[in-house]
Every structure is written in C-alpha cells, then in structure tokens.
Amino acid sequence: MKNMLSIIGMLLSSTALQAAPLSFANCTDGVLPGSQCAVLARPDGEIFVRKVTADVPAGQPARGTLWLVAGGPGESGASFYQLLPTLRRSFPGFQFYLPDHRGTGNSVRLCPAEEAADSAGGRALAGAEWASCFARLNDAPELASQFSITAAANDLKTLIEGERDPAQAPVYLYGVSYGTQLVLRTLQLGPLPVKGVLLDSLVPPQTDPRWDLSQRSHVVNQVGLQVLAECDLDSACHAQLGEPAQDLLRRVLGKLQADPAQLAKIPGKNLKNFLGGMLDVPVARERIIALLQDLDRGGETELASVRASLSAVATSLGSYAQSPLSIPLVSIISNAENNLQPDLRPKHNAGDLERDEATLLFTSPLPRILAGGGLPTYKRDQYFGQLPESLPPTLVLHGTLDPKTPYVGAQAMVQMMQRHSGGPVALSSMARAPHFILWTAPACFEQASLRFIAGQPAQDCVL
C-alpha cells in the first residue's frame, strides 16, 4: 500500500510539473512571413519563441524538430533568421523553434523601459538610457539572479518539454558559443525529450583559468599567430613578403604608434583589436597580410576595402528589431560565471591589462570591457563548473582557428563530457574554420548535421 501511494504521488507530481504547450499564432511583426509566434508566461516575465514550420508538402508532418539556442550571452533568436536556408538544407523537412532567452530580443528584459521596442534606441540602449538602466540595476541588485544561466536553462527546459511532438518526430537541440553553455546547463536540470544535441563552437571548461573570458586576448593572439605562420609556411606568401609575417606586423604597429594621424584611421585606433576582429570572418582573415603590406606603405586602400567587406558581412546577417545585443546581460552573466578574475578593475590595476597585452600582436576588447564592471552580478549556484549526469548523443562542431572559444578548450571539454556523462560525444573538427560553424562554414555544417541525424559517425571537414 505504501509503495502504491508512493507511485501515485510520483505520477501526480510529474503531471503537475508537465509543461503546457504554447499557443502559437501567426506573427504580426512582418519578420519571416509564415512564421508563428508565442510567449511562455513566467512569474517574472515572458519568454518569446518563434516557430518556423517545416518545408514539406502540404498535409505531410515534419520529419523532426530543431531548437536553436543563440550565443552571447545577449544574442536573441534573430541571429539565426538569415541562416534558415542553411538550416533547411542541414535539417530537411524539420520545423525550427527560435527562442529569445531571457534578457534578449522580445523576452523579458533587464531594463524594460530602456530596452523596450519603442524606446529611443529600440531594443538597444541609446543616450541617457545607459545611465538610467545601469542605475536601475544597481539599485535592485537582486534582479541579476533572475537573469542567470540557470534561470534561462529552466525556461528552455520548460519550453522543450511543453512542445513534445505527439507524432513522436525526433527532436534535436542546437546551441552555439554561449548557447552551448546554456544547453549543457539545461541538461544538468534533468533529461530532456531530445534525440540528439549539436554544440557549435563549444565553450571550454568553466573553471579552467587558461580560457576564461579574462584571457580572451591571449586566445585571439594564439589564433592570429597561427594565421601569420600559415603565410610563413606558404612559399608564395613568404616570397611575397620576404620576411617573417610577425616582423611585418610589429613594424606596422610601431609605425602607427609613431603616427597618430595614421593610427586614427584604424577603427577604435587599435590595430591589434581590429586584426583580432578580422579573425572571426574568413574573407577578412585571408586579407590580413595584404592589409599589413598596404599599411606598411602608408596606404589606405586595403583598409577601406576590408572595412567594406566586414560591413557587407554584417549586413548579410540581417538587422531586426530583436537583433541588438543586450550589453547589460553580457556584463552580468560574463562577470558572474565566465570571468575568473572578477576583482580586476582598472582603477586599482590601471597598468595590468596594458602590461598583459604589451607583447601580444592580436587582442580583443572584451577583457577591458569586463574589467570595467559597473553592474551587479549574482552568486554562482551548484551547477557552476559541473556537467550533466547523462547526455543524449552529442556532436560538437568546432573550428581549429576559433578565436573566441579555443579549439584546445573544446577538446578538453569533450574529454570531460565523455568521462563524466558516459554518453556518445563526438567532435567534428573544422580545419581552418573560425567561430560559429553554421555561419562561417555552412557546407561543413550541412555535411556534419546530415550525418548526425542519419546516425552516421562524425567526420572532420576543411573550410
């Protein structure tokens, strides 16, 4: 009798916890015609989700479902809108769910007034909105914990469980960059009704000080040096230079430092940061040597061409009302969980970052941004630095020239996942690819995804 009551209690409990499906209706924002929108009501706000129906003949069911989790933290589901053609080729006949995780896009925001769609800057902060938003968050520091990784993971778990497919079509879960961290945190909360997980540009182990966000410039520099070394090893490139590529870069850095007028033409007046940003985009990365040669001669043609190329790439990703990055969310989550030097502040360590980056040839602005602080964070919970107890079949897609989530960090994370969770975890290495394989190496992404959903072994790919 006692066992029977226990079983009944568990059944009642599981029924009470079962999430309800969302009520989707045709979206009215004019974005992605034919898509459907819904919101998940939470005690502290709403979570927005867009559904893109399957590209199948009328009357036929979808072959499967793919949930797409954006990166950042701070990016919304809009970062995938322009990539739907690649996704349809990679997951033919699938329907797609694109949630805006809390703090981003059309979901509940840290500063509802300043980040409202009809505010001065729209979803982005503009002008006086920066000061009033930051003041609000500092006056109510408890708000930070409502926007933690774990809070977003609970949202995602509820969404996926509520949208179980009654036809039992397979469900897959994809995350990119920070989204891989959010996916893994979600799986820590318990099993999900998914057949497989794809992790694009996997974050490194959370507690490893070699790869936390305060070390981003070192990660960028290592990739930059690899790119320069490729020129040295290529006979035609090396013959064109007539010297090691590092020597050319150091000379150009010295010339710009001695010529403020020429330096002012570089975006941000920082060539190291600009070159670091070029590593993210293959078409820009391949022009680094040509840019350095032109700058060495005092020219401006190649710089203008590279900037135009980067602008065109940014435009190709689309610009939607949901698109602007949530800077407050980036600061709060990054400093709370992904910066292992949270006490580093410029007013106390004015020369620390300067000395740390003095010998680097490629850098990122992120460490300085994080060191600036300015917003409260939240206390790390029991999930910090941990991994799920079990994993469904998981495929990791990672570029060997990733300047954001280092390839060696992804290898270390995969090994940890294989040891800890015991599930089938495979790494598909994308030779020479940078960050965000879905975007930067679409052919490799398509090849890997089609093999994964077909149950075939993972293969490496060359960009």
Protein backbone atom coordinates (compact mmCIF):
# COMPACT_ATOMS: atom_id res chain seq x y z
CA MET A 1 0.00 0.00 0.00
CA LYS A 2 2.83 2.35 0.90
CA ASN A 3 4.55 1.65 -2.43
CA MET A 4 1.30 2.22 -4.32
CA LEU A 5 0.81 5.60 -2.62
CA SER A 6 4.38 6.49 -3.45
CA ILE A 7 3.82 5.64 -7.13
CA ILE A 8 0.59 7.64 -7.20
CA GLY A 9 2.40 10.56 -5.60
CA MET A 10 5.12 10.48 -8.21
CA LEU A 11 2.57 10.35 -11.03
CA LEU A 12 0.68 13.30 -9.62
CA SER A 13 3.92 15.19 -9.16
CA SER A 14 5.08 14.55 -12.72
CA THR A 15 1.68 15.56 -14.08
CA ALA A 16 1.75 18.78 -12.10
CA LEU A 17 5.19 19.59 -13.43
CA GLN A 18 4.32 18.79 -17.05
CA ALA A 19 4.66 21.97 -19.08
CA ALA A 20 1.72 23.02 -21.24
CA PRO A 21 2.19 23.55 -24.98
CA LEU A 22 2.42 27.11 -26.20
CA SER A 23 -0.38 28.85 -28.08
CA PHE A 24 1.21 29.81 -31.40
CA ALA A 25 -0.36 32.30 -33.78
CA ASN A 26 0.82 33.95 -36.99
CA CYS A 27 3.49 36.53 -36.18
CA THR A 28 2.44 40.13 -36.76
CA ASP A 29 5.88 41.75 -36.92
CA GLY A 30 6.43 41.10 -40.62
CA VAL A 31 9.60 39.11 -39.88
CA LEU A 32 9.90 35.71 -41.60
CA PRO A 33 6.46 35.63 -43.28
CA GLY A 34 4.61 32.46 -42.40
CA SER A 35 6.34 32.03 -39.05
CA GLN A 36 4.34 31.70 -35.84
CA CYS A 37 4.97 33.40 -32.51
CA ALA A 38 4.15 32.61 -28.88
CA VAL A 39 5.20 33.59 -25.37
CA LEU A 40 5.85 31.46 -22.33
CA ALA A 41 4.45 33.20 -19.26
CA ARG A 42 6.87 33.11 -16.32
CA PRO A 43 6.42 34.69 -12.87
CA ASP A 44 8.99 37.37 -13.70
CA GLY A 45 8.13 37.98 -17.35
CA GLU A 46 7.56 36.42 -20.75
CA ILE A 47 9.83 34.31 -22.95
CA PHE A 48 9.34 34.84 -26.68
CA VAL A 49 9.53 31.97 -29.18
CA ARG A 50 9.24 31.96 -32.96
CA LYS A 51 8.36 28.77 -34.82
CA VAL A 52 9.25 28.22 -38.47
CA THR A 53 7.16 25.47 -39.99
CA ALA A 54 8.69 22.59 -41.88
CA ASP A 55 9.32 22.86 -45.61
CA VAL A 56 7.31 19.77 -46.54
CA PRO A 57 4.44 19.11 -48.94
CA ALA A 58 1.03 20.18 -47.66
CA GLY A 59 -0.56 17.60 -45.41
CA GLN A 60 2.69 15.87 -44.54
CA PRO A 61 4.12 16.05 -40.99
CA ALA A 62 7.53 17.48 -40.15
CA ARG A 63 10.40 15.00 -40.20
CA GLY A 64 11.68 16.43 -36.92
CA THR A 65 12.14 19.48 -34.73
CA LEU A 66 15.24 21.57 -34.04
CA TRP A 67 15.52 24.03 -31.14
CA LEU A 68 18.07 26.77 -31.83
CA VAL A 69 19.79 28.41 -28.85
CA ALA A 70 21.67 31.63 -29.60
CA GLY A 71 25.01 32.73 -28.17
CA GLY A 72 26.23 35.85 -26.46
CA PRO A 73 25.10 35.92 -23.75
CA GLY A 74 22.95 38.70 -25.09
CA GLU A 75 22.02 37.46 -28.58
CA SER A 76 18.43 36.64 -29.50
CA GLY A 77 16.98 34.03 -31.80
CA ALA A 78 17.14 36.65 -34.57
CA SER A 79 20.80 35.68 -35.09
CA PHE A 80 19.50 32.59 -36.95
CA TYR A 81 16.91 34.23 -39.21
CA GLN A 82 19.22 34.81 -42.18
CA LEU A 83 20.71 31.35 -41.76
CA LEU A 84 17.46 29.46 -42.32
CA PRO A 85 18.43 28.38 -45.88
CA THR A 86 21.48 26.57 -44.47
CA LEU A 87 19.38 25.11 -41.66
CA ARG A 88 16.76 23.81 -44.09
CA ARG A 89 19.46 22.07 -46.14
CA SER A 90 21.05 20.66 -42.99
CA PHE A 91 17.77 19.51 -41.41
CA PRO A 92 15.47 18.83 -44.40
CA GLY A 93 11.81 18.61 -43.50
CA PHE A 94 12.38 19.88 -39.94
CA GLN A 95 10.48 22.61 -38.13
CA PHE A 96 12.51 25.12 -36.10
CA TYR A 97 11.95 26.79 -32.74
CA LEU A 98 13.89 30.01 -32.13
CA PRO A 99 13.53 31.29 -28.55
CA ASP A 100 14.86 34.60 -27.25
CA HIS A 101 16.48 33.61 -23.97
CA ARG A 102 15.61 35.88 -21.06
CA GLY A 103 17.22 39.29 -21.25
CA THR A 104 17.30 39.29 -25.07
CA GLY A 105 15.09 40.13 -28.03
CA ASN A 106 11.38 40.16 -27.29
CA SER A 107 11.69 38.28 -23.99
CA VAL A 108 11.69 39.83 -20.51
CA ARG A 109 14.46 42.44 -20.26
CA LEU A 110 16.76 43.66 -17.51
CA CYS A 111 15.67 47.26 -18.18
CA PRO A 112 12.10 47.04 -19.54
CA ALA A 113 11.71 50.77 -20.19
CA GLU A 114 15.13 51.44 -21.73
CA GLU A 115 15.17 48.22 -23.79
CA ALA A 116 11.56 48.46 -24.98
CA ALA A 117 10.93 48.15 -28.71
CA ASP A 118 9.54 51.69 -28.82
CA SER A 119 12.27 53.31 -26.68
CA ALA A 120 14.82 55.77 -28.07
CA GLY A 121 17.29 53.04 -29.00
CA GLY A 122 14.75 50.28 -29.56
CA ARG A 123 15.99 47.01 -28.07
CA ALA A 124 19.46 48.59 -27.76
CA LEU A 125 20.44 51.21 -25.20
CA ALA A 126 20.98 54.73 -26.51
CA GLY A 127 21.98 58.07 -24.98
CA ALA A 128 20.65 58.64 -21.48
CA GLU A 129 19.21 55.10 -21.41
CA TRP A 130 22.62 53.74 -20.46
CA ALA A 131 22.73 55.70 -17.21
CA SER A 132 19.13 55.06 -16.19
CA CYS A 133 19.38 51.33 -16.98
CA PHE A 134 22.61 50.89 -15.04
CA ALA A 135 21.19 52.91 -12.14
CA ARG A 136 18.10 50.69 -12.04
CA LEU A 137 20.18 47.52 -11.90
CA ASN A 138 22.50 48.86 -9.21
CA ASP A 139 19.51 49.98 -7.13
CA ALA A 140 18.00 46.48 -7.39
CA PRO A 141 20.99 44.07 -7.45
CA GLU A 142 18.70 41.10 -6.77
CA LEU A 143 17.46 41.38 -10.38
CA ALA A 144 20.74 39.92 -11.62
CA SER A 145 19.93 36.45 -10.28
CA GLN A 146 16.67 36.41 -12.27
CA PHE A 147 18.76 36.51 -15.45
CA SER A 148 21.31 33.83 -14.60
CA ILE A 149 22.28 30.93 -16.84
CA THR A 150 20.27 28.59 -14.61
CA ALA A 151 17.17 30.79 -14.86
CA ALA A 152 17.44 30.74 -18.66
CA ALA A 153 18.02 26.96 -18.54
CA ASN A 154 14.79 26.47 -16.61
CA ASP A 155 12.96 28.44 -19.31
CA LEU A 156 14.45 26.31 -22.08
CA LYS A 157 13.63 23.05 -20.29
CA THR A 158 10.02 24.15 -19.81
CA LEU A 159 9.73 25.17 -23.46
CA ILE A 160 11.08 21.90 -24.85
CA GLU A 161 9.02 19.72 -22.53
CA GLY A 162 5.86 21.68 -23.33
CA GLU A 163 6.29 21.19 -27.07
CA ARG A 164 6.61 17.41 -27.12
CA ASP A 165 5.59 16.19 -30.54
CA PRO A 166 2.58 13.86 -30.21
CA ALA A 167 3.64 12.25 -33.51
CA GLN A 168 6.97 11.36 -31.85
CA ALA A 169 9.04 13.01 -34.59
CA PRO A 170 12.66 13.29 -33.40
CA VAL A 171 13.66 16.44 -31.51
CA TYR A 172 17.18 17.90 -31.63
CA LEU A 173 18.77 20.72 -29.67
CA TYR A 174 21.42 23.07 -31.10
CA GLY A 175 23.43 25.71 -29.27
CA VAL A 176 26.25 27.99 -30.41
CA SER A 177 29.01 29.57 -28.29
CA TYR A 178 27.39 30.73 -25.02
CA GLY A 179 24.38 28.77 -26.23
CA THR A 180 26.40 25.56 -25.76
CA GLN A 181 26.86 26.51 -22.11
CA LEU A 182 23.15 27.20 -21.77
CA VAL A 183 22.27 23.86 -23.38
CA LEU A 184 24.60 21.95 -21.05
CA ARG A 185 23.17 23.82 -18.02
CA THR A 186 19.67 22.87 -19.18
CA LEU A 187 20.68 19.20 -19.37
CA GLN A 188 22.01 19.45 -15.81
CA LEU A 189 18.45 20.11 -14.68
CA GLY A 190 17.36 16.68 -15.86
CA PRO A 191 16.79 14.62 -19.01
CA LEU A 192 15.15 16.25 -22.00
CA PRO A 193 12.96 14.58 -24.64
CA VAL A 194 15.57 15.09 -27.35
CA LYS A 195 17.19 12.56 -29.65
CA GLY A 196 20.45 14.45 -30.08
CA VAL A 197 22.38 17.60 -29.25
CA LEU A 198 24.62 19.69 -31.52
CA LEU A 199 27.11 22.04 -29.89
CA ASP A 200 28.64 24.59 -32.26
CA SER A 201 31.82 26.32 -31.02
CA LEU A 202 31.81 24.69 -27.60
CA VAL A 203 32.77 26.72 -24.54
CA PRO A 204 35.85 25.47 -22.62
CA PRO A 205 35.64 24.03 -19.08
CA GLN A 206 34.13 26.75 -16.92
CA THR A 207 36.70 26.59 -14.12
CA ASP A 208 39.86 26.43 -16.26
CA PRO A 209 41.76 29.74 -15.86
CA ARG A 210 43.52 29.31 -19.21
CA TRP A 211 40.40 30.06 -21.20
CA ASP A 212 38.02 32.19 -19.15
CA LEU A 213 36.91 35.49 -20.67
CA SER A 214 39.67 37.49 -18.96
CA GLN A 215 42.08 35.52 -21.19
CA ARG A 216 40.29 36.32 -24.46
CA SER A 217 43.16 38.42 -25.85
CA HIS A 218 45.56 35.51 -25.37
CA VAL A 219 43.14 33.17 -27.17
CA VAL A 220 42.81 35.66 -30.04
CA ASN A 221 46.57 36.13 -30.22
CA GLN A 222 47.24 32.40 -30.49
CA VAL A 223 44.91 32.13 -33.48
CA GLY A 224 46.38 35.26 -35.05
CA LEU A 225 49.89 33.83 -34.77
CA GLN A 226 48.69 30.64 -36.47
CA VAL A 227 47.37 32.70 -39.39
CA LEU A 228 50.71 34.51 -39.72
CA ALA A 229 52.55 31.20 -39.53
CA GLU A 230 50.48 29.89 -42.43
CA CYS A 231 51.95 32.67 -44.59
CA ASP A 232 55.49 31.83 -43.45
CA LEU A 233 54.95 28.19 -44.40
CA ASP A 234 53.44 29.03 -47.78
CA SER A 235 56.27 29.56 -50.27
CA ALA A 236 54.39 32.08 -52.43
CA CYS A 237 53.20 34.16 -49.46
CA HIS A 238 56.60 34.12 -47.81
CA ALA A 239 58.36 35.04 -51.06
CA GLN A 240 55.97 37.96 -51.49
CA LEU A 241 56.81 39.27 -48.02
CA GLY A 242 60.49 38.46 -47.98
CA GLU A 243 60.42 38.37 -44.18
CA PRO A 244 58.53 36.63 -41.34
CA ALA A 245 54.93 37.85 -41.13
CA GLN A 246 55.37 38.71 -37.45
CA ASP A 247 58.20 41.10 -38.33
CA LEU A 248 55.93 42.90 -40.77
CA LEU A 249 53.15 43.24 -38.18
CA ARG A 250 55.50 44.51 -35.47
CA ARG A 251 56.91 47.12 -37.86
CA VAL A 252 53.41 48.31 -38.82
CA LEU A 253 52.39 48.54 -35.15
CA GLY A 254 55.47 50.66 -34.48
CA LYS A 255 54.77 52.96 -37.43
CA LEU A 256 51.16 53.53 -36.37
CA GLN A 257 52.18 54.22 -32.80
CA ALA A 258 54.55 56.92 -34.06
CA ASP A 259 51.97 58.43 -36.44
CA PRO A 260 48.74 59.43 -34.58
CA ALA A 261 47.11 60.65 -37.79
CA GLN A 262 47.55 57.27 -39.47
CA LEU A 263 46.50 55.43 -36.31
CA ALA A 264 43.28 57.47 -36.15
CA LYS A 265 42.19 55.85 -39.43
CA ILE A 266 42.12 52.43 -37.77
CA PRO A 267 38.70 51.61 -36.22
CA GLY A 268 38.97 52.23 -32.49
CA LYS A 269 42.52 53.50 -33.04
CA ASN A 270 43.65 49.99 -32.14
CA LEU A 271 45.14 47.80 -34.88
CA LYS A 272 45.54 44.80 -32.57
CA ASN A 273 41.81 44.78 -31.79
CA PHE A 274 40.90 45.35 -35.44
CA LEU A 275 43.06 42.43 -36.59
CA GLY A 276 41.59 40.30 -33.80
CA GLY A 277 38.11 41.04 -35.13
CA MET A 278 39.16 40.11 -38.67
CA LEU A 279 39.95 36.60 -37.44
CA ASP A 280 36.20 36.00 -36.97
CA VAL A 281 35.39 36.36 -40.67
CA PRO A 282 37.17 34.07 -43.18
CA VAL A 283 37.03 36.54 -46.09
CA ALA A 284 38.57 39.26 -43.90
CA ARG A 285 41.09 36.94 -42.24
CA GLU A 286 42.55 36.00 -45.63
CA ARG A 287 43.36 39.67 -46.29
CA ILE A 288 45.38 40.34 -43.14
CA ILE A 289 48.72 40.06 -44.93
CA ALA A 290 47.60 42.36 -47.76
CA LEU A 291 46.31 44.89 -45.22
CA LEU A 292 49.60 44.90 -43.34
CA GLN A 293 51.57 45.39 -46.57
CA ASP A 294 49.39 48.34 -47.56
CA LEU A 295 49.63 49.93 -44.11
CA ASP A 296 53.41 49.43 -44.19
CA ARG A 297 53.49 51.53 -47.37
CA GLY A 298 51.27 54.18 -45.80
CA GLY A 299 48.33 53.20 -47.98
CA GLU A 300 44.62 53.23 -47.12
CA THR A 301 43.06 51.29 -50.00
CA GLU A 302 43.15 47.86 -48.40
CA LEU A 303 41.84 49.19 -45.07
CA ALA A 304 38.82 50.74 -46.81
CA SER A 305 38.23 47.50 -48.73
CA VAL A 306 38.40 45.35 -45.59
CA ARG A 307 36.02 47.65 -43.73
CA ALA A 308 33.56 47.49 -46.61
CA SER A 309 33.85 43.71 -46.64
CA LEU A 310 33.16 43.48 -42.90
CA SER A 311 30.18 45.80 -43.28
CA ALA A 312 28.75 43.64 -46.06
CA VAL A 313 29.16 40.52 -43.93
CA ALA A 314 27.34 42.18 -41.03
CA THR A 315 24.52 43.22 -43.36
CA SER A 316 24.22 39.65 -44.63
CA LEU A 317 23.26 38.51 -41.13
CA GLY A 318 20.26 40.83 -41.19
CA SER A 319 19.09 43.55 -38.86
CA TYR A 320 15.85 43.03 -36.99
CA ALA A 321 14.18 44.79 -34.09
CA GLN A 322 15.29 41.83 -31.95
CA SER A 323 18.88 41.84 -33.16
CA PRO A 324 20.73 44.30 -30.86
CA LEU A 325 22.97 42.61 -28.31
CA SER A 326 21.96 43.09 -24.66
CA ILE A 327 25.09 44.65 -23.19
CA PRO A 328 23.77 44.56 -19.57
CA LEU A 329 23.13 40.81 -19.86
CA VAL A 330 26.58 40.24 -21.35
CA SER A 331 28.18 42.04 -18.41
CA ILE A 332 26.16 40.31 -15.69
CA ILE A 333 26.48 36.71 -16.90
CA SER A 334 30.06 37.05 -18.11
CA ASN A 335 31.34 38.52 -14.86
CA ALA A 336 29.22 36.22 -12.69
CA GLU A 337 30.22 32.91 -14.29
CA ASN A 338 32.79 33.23 -17.07
CA ASN A 339 35.34 35.68 -15.69
CA LEU A 340 37.67 34.07 -13.15
CA GLN A 341 39.20 37.44 -12.31
CA PRO A 342 36.11 39.32 -11.11
CA ASP A 343 38.11 41.67 -8.89
CA LEU A 344 40.17 43.07 -11.75
CA ARG A 345 39.25 46.75 -12.03
CA PRO A 346 41.12 49.47 -13.97
CA LYS A 347 41.05 51.98 -11.09
CA HIS A 348 43.07 49.55 -8.98
CA ASN A 349 45.03 47.83 -11.76
CA ALA A 350 45.41 50.56 -14.38
CA GLY A 351 48.51 49.01 -15.91
CA ASP A 352 47.70 45.32 -15.52
CA LEU A 353 45.92 44.82 -18.82
CA GLU A 354 48.35 47.12 -20.61
CA ARG A 355 51.31 45.05 -19.43
CA ASP A 356 49.48 41.79 -20.06
CA GLU A 357 48.77 42.67 -23.70
CA ALA A 358 52.00 44.53 -24.47
CA THR A 359 53.66 41.56 -26.17
CA LEU A 360 50.52 40.35 -27.99
CA LEU A 361 50.01 41.07 -31.68
CA PHE A 362 46.26 40.37 -31.79
CA THR A 363 43.86 41.36 -28.99
CA SER A 364 40.19 41.58 -28.02
CA PRO A 365 38.43 44.50 -26.30
CA LEU A 366 36.48 42.07 -24.09
CA PRO A 367 38.89 41.86 -21.11
CA ARG A 368 38.86 45.65 -20.73
CA ILE A 369 35.08 45.75 -21.01
CA LEU A 370 34.70 43.11 -18.30
CA ALA A 371 37.24 44.84 -16.08
CA GLY A 372 35.14 47.99 -16.23
CA GLY A 373 32.39 46.34 -14.19
CA GLY A 374 29.58 48.75 -13.40
CA LEU A 375 26.80 46.23 -12.83
CA PRO A 376 25.97 43.81 -10.01
CA THR A 377 26.34 40.09 -10.59
CA TYR A 378 24.82 37.05 -8.91
CA LYS A 379 26.17 34.26 -6.74
CA ARG A 380 27.24 31.11 -8.56
CA ASP A 381 24.96 28.16 -7.85
CA GLN A 382 25.54 24.42 -7.52
CA TYR A 383 25.61 23.96 -11.29
CA PHE A 384 28.69 26.14 -11.82
CA GLY A 385 31.57 24.18 -13.34
CA GLN A 386 29.57 20.96 -13.41
CA LEU A 387 28.34 18.75 -16.25
CA PRO A 388 25.10 16.82 -16.88
CA GLU A 389 24.92 13.38 -15.33
CA SER A 390 23.89 11.95 -18.69
CA LEU A 391 23.84 13.15 -22.28
CA PRO A 392 21.91 12.11 -25.37
CA PRO A 393 24.04 11.52 -28.48
CA THR A 394 26.04 14.74 -28.84
CA LEU A 395 28.03 16.18 -31.73
CA VAL A 396 30.48 19.03 -31.19
CA LEU A 397 31.34 21.18 -34.23
CA HIS A 398 34.46 23.27 -33.73
CA GLY A 399 36.84 25.25 -35.89
CA THR A 400 40.59 24.83 -35.47
CA LEU A 401 41.05 28.62 -35.88
CA ASP A 402 38.33 29.72 -33.46
CA PRO A 403 39.41 33.00 -31.79
CA LYS A 404 36.55 33.03 -29.26
CA THR A 405 36.13 29.51 -27.90
CA PRO A 406 39.59 27.95 -28.37
CA TYR A 407 39.88 24.63 -30.15
CA VAL A 408 42.08 23.14 -27.42
CA GLY A 409 39.46 24.21 -24.86
CA ALA A 410 36.76 22.41 -26.84
CA GLN A 411 38.92 19.28 -26.96
CA ALA A 412 39.33 19.43 -23.18
CA MET A 413 35.59 19.93 -22.70
CA VAL A 414 34.73 16.99 -24.97
CA GLN A 415 37.05 14.73 -22.99
CA MET A 416 35.42 15.85 -19.73
CA MET A 417 31.94 15.20 -21.15
CA GLN A 418 32.95 11.75 -22.35
CA ARG A 419 34.39 10.81 -18.95
CA HIS A 420 31.65 12.33 -16.81
CA SER A 421 28.43 11.76 -18.68
CA GLY A 422 29.21 8.48 -20.37
CA GLY A 423 27.08 9.25 -23.41
CA PRO A 424 28.25 9.22 -27.03
CA VAL A 425 30.02 12.55 -27.51
CA ALA A 426 31.86 13.12 -30.80
CA LEU A 427 33.99 16.01 -32.02
CA SER A 428 33.88 17.07 -35.66
CA SER A 429 36.86 19.33 -36.31
CA MET A 430 36.51 22.01 -38.97
CA ALA A 431 40.00 22.72 -40.27
CA ARG A 432 40.76 26.46 -40.55
CA ALA A 433 37.22 27.43 -39.60
CA PRO A 434 36.70 30.22 -37.04
CA HIS A 435 33.76 30.67 -34.63
CA PHE A 436 30.08 29.82 -35.36
CA ILE A 437 30.32 26.96 -37.88
CA LEU A 438 26.70 27.35 -39.01
CA TRP A 439 27.59 30.82 -40.30
CA THR A 440 31.29 30.67 -41.22
CA ALA A 441 31.44 27.13 -42.67
CA PRO A 442 27.91 26.32 -43.90
CA ALA A 443 28.98 23.46 -46.18
CA CYS A 444 30.80 21.76 -43.30
CA PHE A 445 27.81 22.36 -41.03
CA GLU A 446 25.46 20.79 -43.56
CA GLN A 447 27.68 17.75 -44.01
CA ALA A 448 28.04 17.20 -40.26
CA SER A 449 24.34 17.71 -39.47
CA LEU A 450 23.08 15.38 -42.18
CA ARG A 451 25.43 12.64 -40.98
CA PHE A 452 24.40 13.21 -37.35
CA ILE A 453 20.64 12.92 -37.89
CA ALA A 454 21.25 9.86 -40.09
CA GLY A 455 23.11 8.18 -37.22
CA GLN A 456 26.42 8.11 -39.11
CA PRO A 457 29.86 8.60 -37.47
CA ALA A 458 31.23 12.14 -37.23
CA GLN A 459 33.71 13.32 -39.85
CA ASP A 460 36.14 16.22 -39.90
CA CYS A 461 35.84 18.90 -42.57
CA VAL A 462 38.06 21.52 -44.21
CA LEU A 463 36.80 25.07 -44.63
